[in-house]
């Protein structure tokens, strides 16, 4: 039976992959860390080049959040290495060469891409722009898919990781466009109460100024530092 694509909340499937930094086993290689596995259609292509530059420019921000990056396409490892070498030699930001420091999976057989649903029968044989956000327990937390023609917004991916880590730590939810929500700004949403006693406690907290509420089921509070 063909394996299904992993779902949000499931453990990332175990696999050994060949990368530009050697063979690694996922997800255990990143045990204790978050990681973002993202696919790109092909090396030496314009949109993908801009994405890799954008990811690298934010790599330290990801690392500050205990998060690693790992790319993937169906190119061979020597193609990956030559492409990242070209980027370093030809692209400069603020007069500094861009050196891709995260590994790239060489999925020349396409097996990993197929297993993760990265190849669309309507878009040819190359991978679409898929993103898997995996937490420090190896659990898939977010899945994003973009068409080959549209480059990704790396700041949104940073926001996703930061938001998920706040959700885990503080047991809250986050509103639309957080941290710039139109109603609550950078505040977090307090989860709805599960019973009448919790409603009364919620109302008490609102009177004490610990939270703010539009109604008993719609309350918010500041994100803890």
N, C-alpha and C. Protein backbone atom coordinates (compact mmCIF):
# COMPACT_ATOMS: atom_id res chain seq x y z
N UNK A 1 0.84 -1.20 0.00
CA UNK A 1 0.00 0.00 0.00
C UNK A 1 0.88 1.25 0.00
N UNK A 2 0.54 2.22 -0.83
CA UNK A 2 1.32 3.45 -0.93
C UNK A 2 1.21 4.25 0.36
N UNK A 3 2.36 4.79 0.82
CA UNK A 3 2.35 5.58 2.05
C UNK A 3 1.64 6.90 1.83
N UNK A 4 0.89 7.33 2.84
CA UNK A 4 0.19 8.60 2.74
C UNK A 4 1.11 9.73 3.19
N UNK A 5 0.80 10.91 2.75
CA UNK A 5 1.55 12.09 3.15
C UNK A 5 1.34 12.31 4.66
N UNK A 6 2.42 12.60 5.41
CA UNK A 6 2.23 12.84 6.85
C UNK A 6 1.33 14.04 7.10
N UNK A 7 0.54 13.97 8.16
CA UNK A 7 -0.40 15.02 8.49
C UNK A 7 0.09 15.83 9.67
N UNK A 8 -0.48 17.01 9.84
CA UNK A 8 -0.17 17.82 11.01
C UNK A 8 -0.52 17.03 12.27
N UNK A 9 0.42 16.98 13.20
CA UNK A 9 0.22 16.23 14.44
C UNK A 9 0.84 14.85 14.42
N UNK A 10 1.24 14.37 13.23
CA UNK A 10 1.90 13.07 13.13
C UNK A 10 3.42 13.24 13.23
N UNK A 11 4.10 12.15 13.57
CA UNK A 11 5.55 12.16 13.59
C UNK A 11 6.06 12.19 12.16
N UNK A 12 7.09 12.98 11.93
CA UNK A 12 7.70 13.03 10.60
C UNK A 12 8.24 11.65 10.27
N UNK A 13 8.00 11.13 9.08
CA UNK A 13 8.43 9.76 8.75
C UNK A 13 9.94 9.59 8.81
N UNK A 14 10.37 8.44 9.30
CA UNK A 14 11.79 8.16 9.39
C UNK A 14 12.36 7.87 8.00
N UNK A 15 13.49 8.46 7.70
CA UNK A 15 14.13 8.25 6.41
C UNK A 15 15.61 8.64 6.49
N UNK A 16 16.41 7.98 5.67
CA UNK A 16 17.81 8.37 5.54
C UNK A 16 17.98 9.09 4.22
N UNK A 17 18.61 10.25 4.24
CA UNK A 17 18.73 11.07 3.04
C UNK A 17 20.19 11.46 2.80
N UNK A 18 20.51 11.60 1.53
CA UNK A 18 21.84 12.09 1.14
C UNK A 18 21.78 13.60 1.00
N UNK A 19 22.66 14.30 1.69
CA UNK A 19 22.67 15.75 1.62
C UNK A 19 24.06 16.26 1.23
N UNK A 20 24.14 17.55 1.03
CA UNK A 20 25.42 18.18 0.72
C UNK A 20 26.36 18.15 1.91
N UNK A 21 25.87 17.77 3.07
CA UNK A 21 26.71 17.66 4.27
C UNK A 21 26.77 16.22 4.77
N UNK A 22 26.52 15.26 3.85
CA UNK A 22 26.58 13.84 4.19
C UNK A 22 25.21 13.24 4.41
N UNK A 23 25.20 11.92 4.71
CA UNK A 23 23.94 11.23 4.96
C UNK A 23 23.44 11.54 6.36
N UNK A 24 22.14 11.74 6.48
CA UNK A 24 21.54 11.97 7.78
C UNK A 24 20.22 11.21 7.87
N UNK A 25 19.81 10.90 9.09
CA UNK A 25 18.54 10.24 9.33
C UNK A 25 17.56 11.23 9.93
N UNK A 26 16.42 11.33 9.27
CA UNK A 26 15.36 12.21 9.75
C UNK A 26 14.27 11.39 10.42
N UNK A 27 13.63 11.93 11.46
CA UNK A 27 13.86 13.26 12.06
C UNK A 27 14.91 13.25 13.17
N UNK A 28 15.51 12.10 13.47
CA UNK A 28 16.37 11.97 14.65
C UNK A 28 17.62 12.84 14.58
N UNK A 29 18.08 13.18 13.38
CA UNK A 29 19.26 14.01 13.25
C UNK A 29 19.08 15.35 13.96
N UNK A 30 17.83 15.82 13.98
CA UNK A 30 17.53 17.11 14.60
C UNK A 30 16.84 16.94 15.96
N UNK A 31 17.10 15.83 16.61
CA UNK A 31 16.46 15.56 17.91
C UNK A 31 16.72 16.72 18.88
N UNK A 32 15.65 17.21 19.50
CA UNK A 32 15.78 18.33 20.43
C UNK A 32 15.72 19.68 19.74
N UNK A 33 15.68 19.69 18.40
CA UNK A 33 15.58 20.93 17.65
C UNK A 33 14.35 20.91 16.74
N UNK A 34 13.88 22.07 16.39
CA UNK A 34 12.89 22.21 15.33
C UNK A 34 13.64 22.18 14.00
N UNK A 35 12.97 21.76 12.94
CA UNK A 35 13.57 21.91 11.62
C UNK A 35 12.51 22.18 10.57
N UNK A 36 12.95 22.86 9.51
CA UNK A 36 12.09 23.17 8.38
C UNK A 36 12.67 22.48 7.16
N UNK A 37 11.92 21.52 6.62
CA UNK A 37 12.31 20.86 5.38
C UNK A 37 11.50 21.50 4.26
N UNK A 38 12.19 22.06 3.28
CA UNK A 38 11.49 22.73 2.19
C UNK A 38 12.03 22.26 0.85
N UNK A 39 11.14 22.08 -0.10
CA UNK A 39 11.55 21.64 -1.43
C UNK A 39 11.53 22.81 -2.41
N UNK A 40 12.38 22.71 -3.42
CA UNK A 40 12.39 23.69 -4.50
C UNK A 40 12.40 22.93 -5.83
N UNK A 41 11.84 23.51 -6.89
CA UNK A 41 11.72 22.79 -8.16
C UNK A 41 13.05 22.31 -8.74
N UNK A 42 14.08 23.17 -8.73
CA UNK A 42 15.33 22.76 -9.37
C UNK A 42 16.45 23.74 -9.04
N UNK A 43 17.68 23.22 -9.06
CA UNK A 43 18.86 24.07 -8.94
C UNK A 43 18.99 24.95 -10.19
N UNK A 44 19.75 26.02 -10.07
CA UNK A 44 20.04 26.90 -11.19
C UNK A 44 18.77 27.44 -11.85
N UNK A 45 17.78 27.78 -11.03
CA UNK A 45 16.56 28.41 -11.53
C UNK A 45 16.36 29.74 -10.79
N UNK A 46 15.76 30.73 -11.45
CA UNK A 46 15.72 32.09 -10.88
C UNK A 46 15.00 32.22 -9.55
N UNK A 47 13.74 31.75 -9.49
CA UNK A 47 12.98 31.94 -8.25
C UNK A 47 13.63 31.17 -7.10
N UNK A 48 14.09 29.96 -7.36
CA UNK A 48 14.72 29.16 -6.32
C UNK A 48 15.98 29.84 -5.79
N UNK A 49 16.72 30.48 -6.67
CA UNK A 49 17.93 31.19 -6.24
C UNK A 49 17.57 32.31 -5.28
N UNK A 50 16.51 33.06 -5.60
CA UNK A 50 16.10 34.15 -4.69
C UNK A 50 15.64 33.58 -3.35
N UNK A 51 14.99 32.42 -3.36
CA UNK A 51 14.53 31.82 -2.11
C UNK A 51 15.70 31.39 -1.24
N UNK A 52 16.69 30.76 -1.85
CA UNK A 52 17.83 30.30 -1.06
C UNK A 52 18.60 31.46 -0.45
N UNK A 53 18.74 32.54 -1.20
CA UNK A 53 19.37 33.73 -0.64
C UNK A 53 18.55 34.24 0.55
N UNK A 54 17.22 34.28 0.39
CA UNK A 54 16.35 34.77 1.45
C UNK A 54 16.40 33.88 2.68
N UNK A 55 16.40 32.56 2.48
CA UNK A 55 16.51 31.65 3.62
C UNK A 55 17.85 31.85 4.34
N UNK A 56 18.94 31.94 3.58
CA UNK A 56 20.25 32.08 4.21
C UNK A 56 20.36 33.38 5.00
N UNK A 57 19.80 34.46 4.46
CA UNK A 57 19.86 35.74 5.17
C UNK A 57 19.11 35.70 6.50
N UNK A 58 18.20 34.75 6.65
CA UNK A 58 17.43 34.62 7.90
C UNK A 58 17.86 33.39 8.71
N UNK A 59 18.88 32.71 8.27
CA UNK A 59 19.29 31.45 8.91
C UNK A 59 19.62 31.65 10.39
N UNK A 60 20.32 32.71 10.72
CA UNK A 60 20.67 32.95 12.12
C UNK A 60 19.43 33.20 12.97
N UNK A 61 18.42 33.85 12.39
CA UNK A 61 17.17 34.07 13.13
C UNK A 61 16.49 32.74 13.42
N UNK A 62 16.51 31.83 12.44
CA UNK A 62 15.94 30.50 12.68
C UNK A 62 16.73 29.78 13.78
N UNK A 63 18.06 29.86 13.71
CA UNK A 63 18.89 29.17 14.69
C UNK A 63 18.66 29.72 16.10
N UNK A 64 18.39 31.01 16.20
CA UNK A 64 18.09 31.61 17.50
C UNK A 64 16.83 31.00 18.11
N UNK A 65 15.96 30.47 17.26
CA UNK A 65 14.74 29.82 17.72
C UNK A 65 14.91 28.29 17.76
N UNK A 66 16.17 27.84 17.82
CA UNK A 66 16.47 26.40 17.90
C UNK A 66 15.90 25.66 16.70
N UNK A 67 16.01 26.28 15.53
CA UNK A 67 15.41 25.73 14.31
C UNK A 67 16.44 25.64 13.20
N UNK A 68 16.49 24.48 12.54
CA UNK A 68 17.42 24.27 11.44
C UNK A 68 16.66 24.25 10.11
N UNK A 69 17.38 24.50 9.03
CA UNK A 69 16.83 24.46 7.68
C UNK A 69 17.43 23.30 6.91
N UNK A 70 16.63 22.66 6.06
CA UNK A 70 17.15 21.64 5.16
C UNK A 70 16.34 21.68 3.87
N UNK A 71 17.03 21.90 2.75
CA UNK A 71 16.37 22.00 1.45
C UNK A 71 16.30 20.66 0.74
N UNK A 72 15.54 20.61 -0.35
CA UNK A 72 15.39 19.37 -1.10
C UNK A 72 14.96 19.68 -2.53
N UNK A 73 15.57 18.98 -3.49
CA UNK A 73 15.03 18.90 -4.84
C UNK A 73 15.47 17.56 -5.41
N UNK A 74 15.00 17.25 -6.61
CA UNK A 74 15.34 15.96 -7.21
C UNK A 74 16.65 16.03 -8.00
N UNK A 75 17.43 17.09 -7.78
CA UNK A 75 18.76 17.18 -8.39
C UNK A 75 19.74 16.28 -7.65
N UNK A 76 20.87 16.01 -8.29
CA UNK A 76 21.92 15.22 -7.66
C UNK A 76 22.79 16.10 -6.78
N UNK A 77 23.56 15.46 -5.89
CA UNK A 77 24.30 16.22 -4.89
C UNK A 77 25.34 17.13 -5.53
N UNK A 78 25.97 16.71 -6.64
CA UNK A 78 26.98 17.58 -7.24
C UNK A 78 26.35 18.83 -7.83
N UNK A 79 25.10 18.72 -8.30
CA UNK A 79 24.38 19.89 -8.81
C UNK A 79 24.11 20.87 -7.68
N UNK A 80 23.67 20.35 -6.54
CA UNK A 80 23.45 21.19 -5.35
C UNK A 80 24.72 21.96 -5.00
N UNK A 81 25.82 21.24 -4.93
CA UNK A 81 27.08 21.85 -4.51
C UNK A 81 27.56 22.90 -5.51
N UNK A 82 27.40 22.61 -6.80
CA UNK A 82 27.82 23.58 -7.81
C UNK A 82 26.94 24.82 -7.77
N UNK A 83 25.64 24.62 -7.54
CA UNK A 83 24.71 25.75 -7.48
C UNK A 83 25.01 26.66 -6.28
N UNK A 84 25.19 26.06 -5.10
CA UNK A 84 25.48 26.87 -3.92
C UNK A 84 26.84 27.56 -4.06
N UNK A 85 27.76 26.91 -4.76
CA UNK A 85 29.05 27.54 -5.05
C UNK A 85 28.84 28.76 -5.96
N UNK A 86 27.97 28.61 -6.97
CA UNK A 86 27.66 29.73 -7.87
C UNK A 86 27.06 30.89 -7.10
N UNK A 87 26.13 30.58 -6.18
CA UNK A 87 25.51 31.64 -5.37
C UNK A 87 26.56 32.40 -4.59
N UNK A 88 27.49 31.68 -3.96
CA UNK A 88 28.54 32.32 -3.16
C UNK A 88 29.43 33.21 -4.02
N UNK A 89 29.71 32.76 -5.24
CA UNK A 89 30.63 33.50 -6.11
C UNK A 89 29.99 34.68 -6.81
N UNK A 90 28.67 34.63 -6.98
CA UNK A 90 28.02 35.62 -7.83
C UNK A 90 27.03 36.54 -7.14
N UNK A 91 26.62 36.21 -5.93
CA UNK A 91 25.62 37.04 -5.26
C UNK A 91 26.19 37.63 -3.98
N UNK A 92 26.08 38.93 -3.86
CA UNK A 92 26.55 39.63 -2.66
C UNK A 92 25.42 40.49 -2.11
N UNK A 93 25.28 40.49 -0.80
CA UNK A 93 24.35 41.35 -0.10
C UNK A 93 25.17 42.22 0.85
N UNK A 94 25.04 43.53 0.72
CA UNK A 94 25.86 44.46 1.50
C UNK A 94 27.36 44.16 1.33
N UNK A 95 27.72 43.86 0.08
CA UNK A 95 29.11 43.59 -0.30
C UNK A 95 29.67 42.31 0.32
N UNK A 96 28.80 41.45 0.84
CA UNK A 96 29.24 40.18 1.40
C UNK A 96 28.65 39.03 0.59
N UNK A 97 29.48 38.03 0.24
CA UNK A 97 28.94 36.89 -0.52
C UNK A 97 27.94 36.10 0.31
N UNK A 98 26.94 35.56 -0.36
CA UNK A 98 25.93 34.74 0.31
C UNK A 98 26.39 33.28 0.27
N UNK A 99 26.69 32.74 1.42
CA UNK A 99 27.15 31.35 1.52
C UNK A 99 26.04 30.50 2.14
N UNK A 100 25.53 29.54 1.38
CA UNK A 100 24.47 28.67 1.88
C UNK A 100 25.07 27.68 2.88
N UNK A 101 24.64 27.80 4.13
CA UNK A 101 25.26 27.01 5.20
C UNK A 101 24.41 25.83 5.66
N UNK A 102 23.17 25.75 5.20
CA UNK A 102 22.32 24.63 5.60
C UNK A 102 22.39 23.54 4.53
N UNK A 103 22.11 22.28 4.88
CA UNK A 103 22.23 21.18 3.93
C UNK A 103 21.09 21.11 2.94
N UNK A 104 21.36 20.50 1.79
CA UNK A 104 20.35 20.25 0.76
C UNK A 104 20.27 18.75 0.50
N UNK A 105 19.06 18.22 0.50
CA UNK A 105 18.85 16.81 0.20
C UNK A 105 18.91 16.60 -1.30
N UNK A 106 19.71 15.63 -1.72
CA UNK A 106 19.78 15.26 -3.14
C UNK A 106 18.85 14.06 -3.36
N UNK A 107 17.62 14.35 -3.73
CA UNK A 107 16.60 13.32 -3.89
C UNK A 107 16.48 12.94 -5.37
N UNK A 108 17.59 12.48 -5.95
CA UNK A 108 17.63 12.23 -7.39
C UNK A 108 16.65 11.15 -7.84
N UNK A 109 16.30 10.22 -6.94
CA UNK A 109 15.33 9.18 -7.29
C UNK A 109 13.89 9.68 -7.17
N UNK A 110 13.71 10.78 -6.45
CA UNK A 110 12.37 11.32 -6.23
C UNK A 110 11.57 10.60 -5.16
N UNK A 111 12.18 9.66 -4.46
CA UNK A 111 11.44 8.86 -3.48
C UNK A 111 10.99 9.69 -2.29
N UNK A 112 11.86 10.57 -1.79
CA UNK A 112 11.49 11.41 -0.65
C UNK A 112 10.38 12.37 -1.05
N UNK A 113 10.54 12.99 -2.22
CA UNK A 113 9.53 13.94 -2.70
C UNK A 113 8.17 13.29 -2.86
N UNK A 114 8.14 12.06 -3.39
CA UNK A 114 6.88 11.35 -3.56
C UNK A 114 6.28 11.02 -2.20
N UNK A 115 7.13 10.60 -1.27
CA UNK A 115 6.65 10.22 0.06
C UNK A 115 6.02 11.40 0.79
N UNK A 116 6.54 12.61 0.52
CA UNK A 116 6.05 13.79 1.20
C UNK A 116 5.06 14.59 0.34
N UNK A 117 4.65 14.04 -0.80
CA UNK A 117 3.65 14.69 -1.63
C UNK A 117 4.12 15.97 -2.27
N UNK A 118 5.41 16.04 -2.60
CA UNK A 118 5.99 17.27 -3.14
C UNK A 118 5.92 17.37 -4.66
N UNK A 119 5.45 16.31 -5.32
CA UNK A 119 5.37 16.32 -6.77
C UNK A 119 3.90 16.28 -7.20
N UNK A 120 3.49 17.30 -7.95
CA UNK A 120 2.11 17.36 -8.43
C UNK A 120 2.05 16.82 -9.85
N UNK A 121 1.12 15.91 -10.14
CA UNK A 121 0.98 15.39 -11.51
C UNK A 121 0.57 16.46 -12.51
N UNK A 122 0.12 17.62 -12.01
CA UNK A 122 -0.30 18.71 -12.88
C UNK A 122 0.80 19.73 -13.13
N UNK A 123 1.97 19.53 -12.46
CA UNK A 123 3.04 20.52 -12.56
C UNK A 123 4.35 19.91 -13.02
N UNK A 124 4.31 18.79 -13.74
CA UNK A 124 5.53 18.19 -14.25
C UNK A 124 6.19 17.29 -13.23
N UNK A 125 7.45 16.97 -13.46
CA UNK A 125 8.16 16.00 -12.61
C UNK A 125 8.97 16.66 -11.50
N UNK A 126 9.07 17.98 -11.50
CA UNK A 126 9.83 18.66 -10.45
C UNK A 126 8.97 18.87 -9.21
N UNK A 127 9.63 19.10 -8.10
CA UNK A 127 8.91 19.35 -6.85
C UNK A 127 8.27 20.73 -6.84
N UNK A 128 7.12 20.83 -6.18
CA UNK A 128 6.53 22.14 -5.91
C UNK A 128 7.28 22.74 -4.72
N UNK A 129 6.85 23.91 -4.27
CA UNK A 129 7.53 24.55 -3.13
C UNK A 129 6.81 24.17 -1.84
N UNK A 130 7.17 23.01 -1.30
CA UNK A 130 6.55 22.52 -0.07
C UNK A 130 7.38 22.93 1.15
N UNK A 131 6.69 23.09 2.28
CA UNK A 131 7.36 23.44 3.53
C UNK A 131 6.79 22.57 4.64
N UNK A 132 7.66 21.84 5.34
CA UNK A 132 7.25 21.08 6.52
C UNK A 132 7.95 21.68 7.74
N UNK A 133 7.16 22.16 8.70
CA UNK A 133 7.71 22.65 9.97
C UNK A 133 7.55 21.53 10.99
N UNK A 134 8.69 21.07 11.53
CA UNK A 134 8.71 19.92 12.44
C UNK A 134 9.28 20.38 13.77
N UNK A 135 8.61 20.01 14.87
CA UNK A 135 9.05 20.51 16.18
C UNK A 135 10.15 19.65 16.78
N UNK A 136 10.55 20.01 17.99
CA UNK A 136 11.70 19.36 18.64
C UNK A 136 11.39 17.94 19.12
N UNK A 137 10.17 17.50 18.94
CA UNK A 137 9.82 16.10 19.22
C UNK A 137 9.60 15.30 17.94
N UNK A 138 9.93 15.91 16.80
CA UNK A 138 9.77 15.22 15.52
C UNK A 138 8.35 15.20 14.99
N UNK A 139 7.48 16.08 15.52
CA UNK A 139 6.08 16.12 15.11
C UNK A 139 5.87 17.20 14.07
N UNK A 140 5.15 16.86 13.00
CA UNK A 140 4.82 17.83 11.95
C UNK A 140 3.81 18.83 12.51
N UNK A 141 4.16 20.11 12.46
CA UNK A 141 3.30 21.14 13.04
C UNK A 141 2.62 22.03 12.00
N UNK A 142 3.26 22.22 10.87
CA UNK A 142 2.68 23.05 9.81
C UNK A 142 3.14 22.50 8.46
N UNK A 143 2.24 22.52 7.47
CA UNK A 143 2.57 22.13 6.10
C UNK A 143 2.07 23.22 5.17
N UNK A 144 2.96 23.72 4.32
CA UNK A 144 2.61 24.75 3.35
C UNK A 144 3.00 24.28 1.96
N UNK A 145 2.16 24.56 0.97
CA UNK A 145 2.48 24.22 -0.42
C UNK A 145 2.28 25.46 -1.30
N UNK A 146 3.28 25.75 -2.09
CA UNK A 146 3.23 26.87 -3.03
C UNK A 146 3.47 26.33 -4.44
N UNK A 147 2.90 26.96 -5.46
CA UNK A 147 3.19 26.54 -6.83
C UNK A 147 4.62 26.91 -7.21
N UNK A 148 5.11 26.31 -8.26
CA UNK A 148 6.49 26.55 -8.69
C UNK A 148 6.74 28.00 -9.08
N UNK A 149 5.70 28.70 -9.53
CA UNK A 149 5.88 30.05 -10.04
C UNK A 149 5.95 31.12 -8.94
N UNK A 150 5.55 30.78 -7.72
CA UNK A 150 5.44 31.77 -6.64
C UNK A 150 6.48 31.52 -5.55
N UNK A 151 7.38 32.47 -5.37
CA UNK A 151 8.36 32.35 -4.30
C UNK A 151 7.72 32.54 -2.94
N UNK A 152 8.31 31.88 -1.95
CA UNK A 152 7.74 31.92 -0.60
C UNK A 152 8.13 33.19 0.16
N UNK A 153 7.34 33.50 1.19
CA UNK A 153 7.63 34.61 2.10
C UNK A 153 8.33 34.03 3.32
N UNK A 154 9.64 34.25 3.42
CA UNK A 154 10.41 33.64 4.51
C UNK A 154 10.05 34.22 5.87
N UNK A 155 9.65 35.48 5.88
CA UNK A 155 9.24 36.08 7.15
C UNK A 155 7.98 35.42 7.70
N UNK A 156 7.10 34.95 6.81
CA UNK A 156 5.92 34.21 7.26
C UNK A 156 6.34 32.89 7.90
N UNK A 157 7.34 32.23 7.33
CA UNK A 157 7.80 30.96 7.90
C UNK A 157 8.46 31.21 9.26
N UNK A 158 9.21 32.29 9.38
CA UNK A 158 9.75 32.68 10.69
C UNK A 158 8.62 32.91 11.69
N UNK A 159 7.57 33.61 11.24
CA UNK A 159 6.42 33.91 12.11
C UNK A 159 5.74 32.63 12.57
N UNK A 160 5.63 31.65 11.67
CA UNK A 160 5.01 30.37 12.01
C UNK A 160 5.77 29.69 13.14
N UNK A 161 7.09 29.62 13.00
CA UNK A 161 7.90 28.95 14.03
C UNK A 161 7.80 29.69 15.35
N UNK A 162 7.96 31.00 15.32
CA UNK A 162 7.88 31.78 16.55
C UNK A 162 6.52 31.62 17.21
N UNK A 163 5.46 31.69 16.39
CA UNK A 163 4.12 31.55 16.93
C UNK A 163 3.86 30.19 17.55
N UNK A 164 4.29 29.13 16.88
CA UNK A 164 4.09 27.78 17.42
C UNK A 164 4.83 27.59 18.72
N UNK A 165 6.02 28.15 18.82
CA UNK A 165 6.79 28.00 20.06
C UNK A 165 6.14 28.76 21.21
N UNK A 166 5.55 29.92 20.93
CA UNK A 166 4.81 30.65 21.96
C UNK A 166 3.56 29.88 22.36
N UNK A 167 2.86 29.32 21.38
CA UNK A 167 1.66 28.53 21.67
C UNK A 167 2.00 27.35 22.59
N UNK A 168 3.09 26.66 22.30
CA UNK A 168 3.49 25.52 23.12
C UNK A 168 3.85 25.94 24.54
N UNK A 169 4.60 27.01 24.65
CA UNK A 169 5.12 27.44 25.95
C UNK A 169 4.05 28.06 26.83
N UNK A 170 3.17 28.84 26.23
CA UNK A 170 2.22 29.62 27.03
C UNK A 170 0.78 29.09 26.97
N UNK A 171 0.56 28.01 26.18
CA UNK A 171 -0.76 27.38 26.10
C UNK A 171 -1.84 28.38 25.69
N UNK A 172 -1.55 29.11 24.62
CA UNK A 172 -2.47 30.10 24.11
C UNK A 172 -2.73 29.82 22.63
N UNK A 173 -3.55 30.64 22.00
CA UNK A 173 -3.71 30.64 20.55
C UNK A 173 -3.32 32.03 20.06
N UNK A 174 -3.10 32.16 18.78
CA UNK A 174 -2.68 33.45 18.24
C UNK A 174 -3.64 33.87 17.12
N UNK A 175 -4.00 35.16 17.08
CA UNK A 175 -5.01 35.64 16.13
C UNK A 175 -4.44 35.86 14.73
N UNK A 176 -5.33 36.18 13.81
CA UNK A 176 -4.94 36.47 12.42
C UNK A 176 -3.92 37.60 12.39
N UNK A 177 -2.96 37.46 11.49
CA UNK A 177 -1.94 38.47 11.26
C UNK A 177 -1.08 38.77 12.49
N UNK A 178 -1.12 37.88 13.47
CA UNK A 178 -0.26 38.08 14.65
C UNK A 178 1.18 38.23 14.19
N UNK A 179 1.95 39.15 14.76
CA UNK A 179 1.68 39.98 15.94
C UNK A 179 1.08 41.36 15.61
N UNK A 180 0.43 41.47 14.48
CA UNK A 180 -0.17 42.75 14.08
C UNK A 180 -1.66 42.57 13.81
N UNK A 181 -2.35 41.94 14.76
CA UNK A 181 -3.77 41.69 14.59
C UNK A 181 -4.56 42.98 14.67
N UNK A 182 -5.60 43.08 13.86
CA UNK A 182 -6.40 44.30 13.79
C UNK A 182 -7.21 44.56 15.07
N UNK A 183 -7.52 43.52 15.84
CA UNK A 183 -8.30 43.69 17.07
C UNK A 183 -7.43 43.75 18.32
N UNK A 184 -6.45 42.85 18.39
CA UNK A 184 -5.71 42.66 19.63
C UNK A 184 -4.22 42.95 19.54
N UNK A 185 -3.77 43.44 18.40
CA UNK A 185 -2.35 43.75 18.28
C UNK A 185 -1.49 42.51 18.41
N UNK A 186 -0.53 42.55 19.35
CA UNK A 186 0.38 41.43 19.56
C UNK A 186 -0.08 40.49 20.68
N UNK A 187 -1.29 40.72 21.20
CA UNK A 187 -1.81 39.87 22.28
C UNK A 187 -2.11 38.46 21.78
N UNK A 188 -2.11 37.52 22.73
CA UNK A 188 -2.51 36.14 22.45
C UNK A 188 -3.97 35.94 22.82
N UNK A 189 -4.60 34.94 22.22
CA UNK A 189 -5.98 34.57 22.52
C UNK A 189 -5.98 33.55 23.66
N UNK A 190 -6.78 33.81 24.67
CA UNK A 190 -6.92 32.85 25.76
C UNK A 190 -7.88 31.75 25.30
N UNK A 191 -7.49 30.47 25.42
CA UNK A 191 -8.36 29.38 24.96
C UNK A 191 -9.74 29.44 25.60
N UNK A 192 -10.81 29.12 24.89
CA UNK A 192 -12.16 29.19 25.43
C UNK A 192 -12.33 28.30 26.66
N UNK A 193 -13.12 28.72 27.64
CA UNK A 193 -13.36 27.90 28.82
C UNK A 193 -14.14 26.63 28.49
N UNK A 194 -13.86 25.57 29.23
CA UNK A 194 -14.46 24.28 28.92
C UNK A 194 -15.74 24.00 29.71
N UNK A 195 -16.00 24.77 30.78
CA UNK A 195 -17.20 24.53 31.57
C UNK A 195 -17.61 25.83 32.28
N UNK A 196 -18.72 25.77 33.03
CA UNK A 196 -19.25 26.98 33.67
C UNK A 196 -18.30 27.53 34.73
N UNK A 197 -17.63 26.66 35.48
CA UNK A 197 -16.69 27.14 36.49
C UNK A 197 -15.54 27.91 35.84
N UNK A 198 -15.12 27.42 34.67
CA UNK A 198 -14.04 28.11 33.95
C UNK A 198 -14.51 29.48 33.45
N UNK A 199 -15.80 29.56 33.09
CA UNK A 199 -16.35 30.85 32.67
C UNK A 199 -16.29 31.85 33.81
N UNK A 200 -16.68 31.41 35.02
CA UNK A 200 -16.65 32.29 36.19
C UNK A 200 -15.22 32.72 36.51
N UNK A 201 -14.30 31.81 36.38
CA UNK A 201 -12.89 32.14 36.62
C UNK A 201 -12.41 33.15 35.58
N UNK A 202 -12.85 32.96 34.36
CA UNK A 202 -12.48 33.88 33.28
C UNK A 202 -13.01 35.28 33.59
N UNK A 203 -14.24 35.38 34.04
CA UNK A 203 -14.84 36.66 34.37
C UNK A 203 -14.11 37.32 35.53
N UNK A 204 -13.67 36.52 36.50
CA UNK A 204 -12.92 37.05 37.64
C UNK A 204 -11.58 37.61 37.18
N UNK A 205 -10.89 36.89 36.32
CA UNK A 205 -9.60 37.34 35.80
C UNK A 205 -9.75 38.64 35.02
N UNK A 206 -10.87 38.78 34.30
CA UNK A 206 -11.11 40.00 33.54
C UNK A 206 -11.31 41.19 34.49
N UNK A 207 -12.06 40.99 35.58
CA UNK A 207 -12.28 42.06 36.56
C UNK A 207 -10.98 42.47 37.23
N UNK A 208 -10.09 41.51 37.43
CA UNK A 208 -8.80 41.79 38.07
C UNK A 208 -7.79 42.38 37.09
N UNK A 209 -8.18 42.47 35.83
CA UNK A 209 -7.29 43.07 34.83
C UNK A 209 -6.22 42.15 34.30
N UNK A 210 -6.32 40.84 34.60
CA UNK A 210 -5.31 39.89 34.13
C UNK A 210 -5.48 39.55 32.66
N UNK A 211 -6.72 39.65 32.19
CA UNK A 211 -7.02 39.44 30.78
C UNK A 211 -8.06 40.47 30.36
N UNK A 212 -8.25 40.61 29.06
CA UNK A 212 -9.28 41.49 28.53
C UNK A 212 -10.24 40.65 27.70
N UNK A 213 -11.53 40.97 27.76
CA UNK A 213 -12.53 40.16 27.07
C UNK A 213 -13.53 41.03 26.31
N UNK A 214 -13.89 40.59 25.11
CA UNK A 214 -15.05 41.15 24.41
C UNK A 214 -16.31 40.43 24.86
N UNK A 215 -16.14 39.18 25.27
CA UNK A 215 -17.19 38.35 25.84
C UNK A 215 -16.46 37.22 26.57
N UNK A 216 -17.20 36.37 27.30
CA UNK A 216 -16.53 35.33 28.09
C UNK A 216 -15.77 34.32 27.23
N UNK A 217 -16.16 34.19 25.97
CA UNK A 217 -15.52 33.21 25.10
C UNK A 217 -14.43 33.83 24.20
N UNK A 218 -14.29 35.17 24.26
CA UNK A 218 -13.32 35.85 23.41
C UNK A 218 -12.47 36.78 24.25
N UNK A 219 -11.39 36.22 24.79
CA UNK A 219 -10.51 36.96 25.68
C UNK A 219 -9.09 36.93 25.17
N UNK A 220 -8.32 37.92 25.57
CA UNK A 220 -6.94 38.01 25.11
C UNK A 220 -6.05 38.56 26.23
N UNK A 221 -4.76 38.33 26.07
CA UNK A 221 -3.80 38.82 27.05
C UNK A 221 -2.46 39.04 26.37
N UNK A 222 -1.57 39.73 27.05
CA UNK A 222 -0.25 39.99 26.51
C UNK A 222 0.56 38.69 26.43
N UNK A 223 1.36 38.59 25.39
CA UNK A 223 2.28 37.46 25.28
C UNK A 223 3.39 37.65 26.30
N UNK A 224 3.65 36.62 27.07
CA UNK A 224 4.71 36.70 28.08
C UNK A 224 6.08 36.72 27.43
N UNK A 225 6.98 37.51 27.98
CA UNK A 225 8.35 37.59 27.44
C UNK A 225 9.15 36.36 27.87
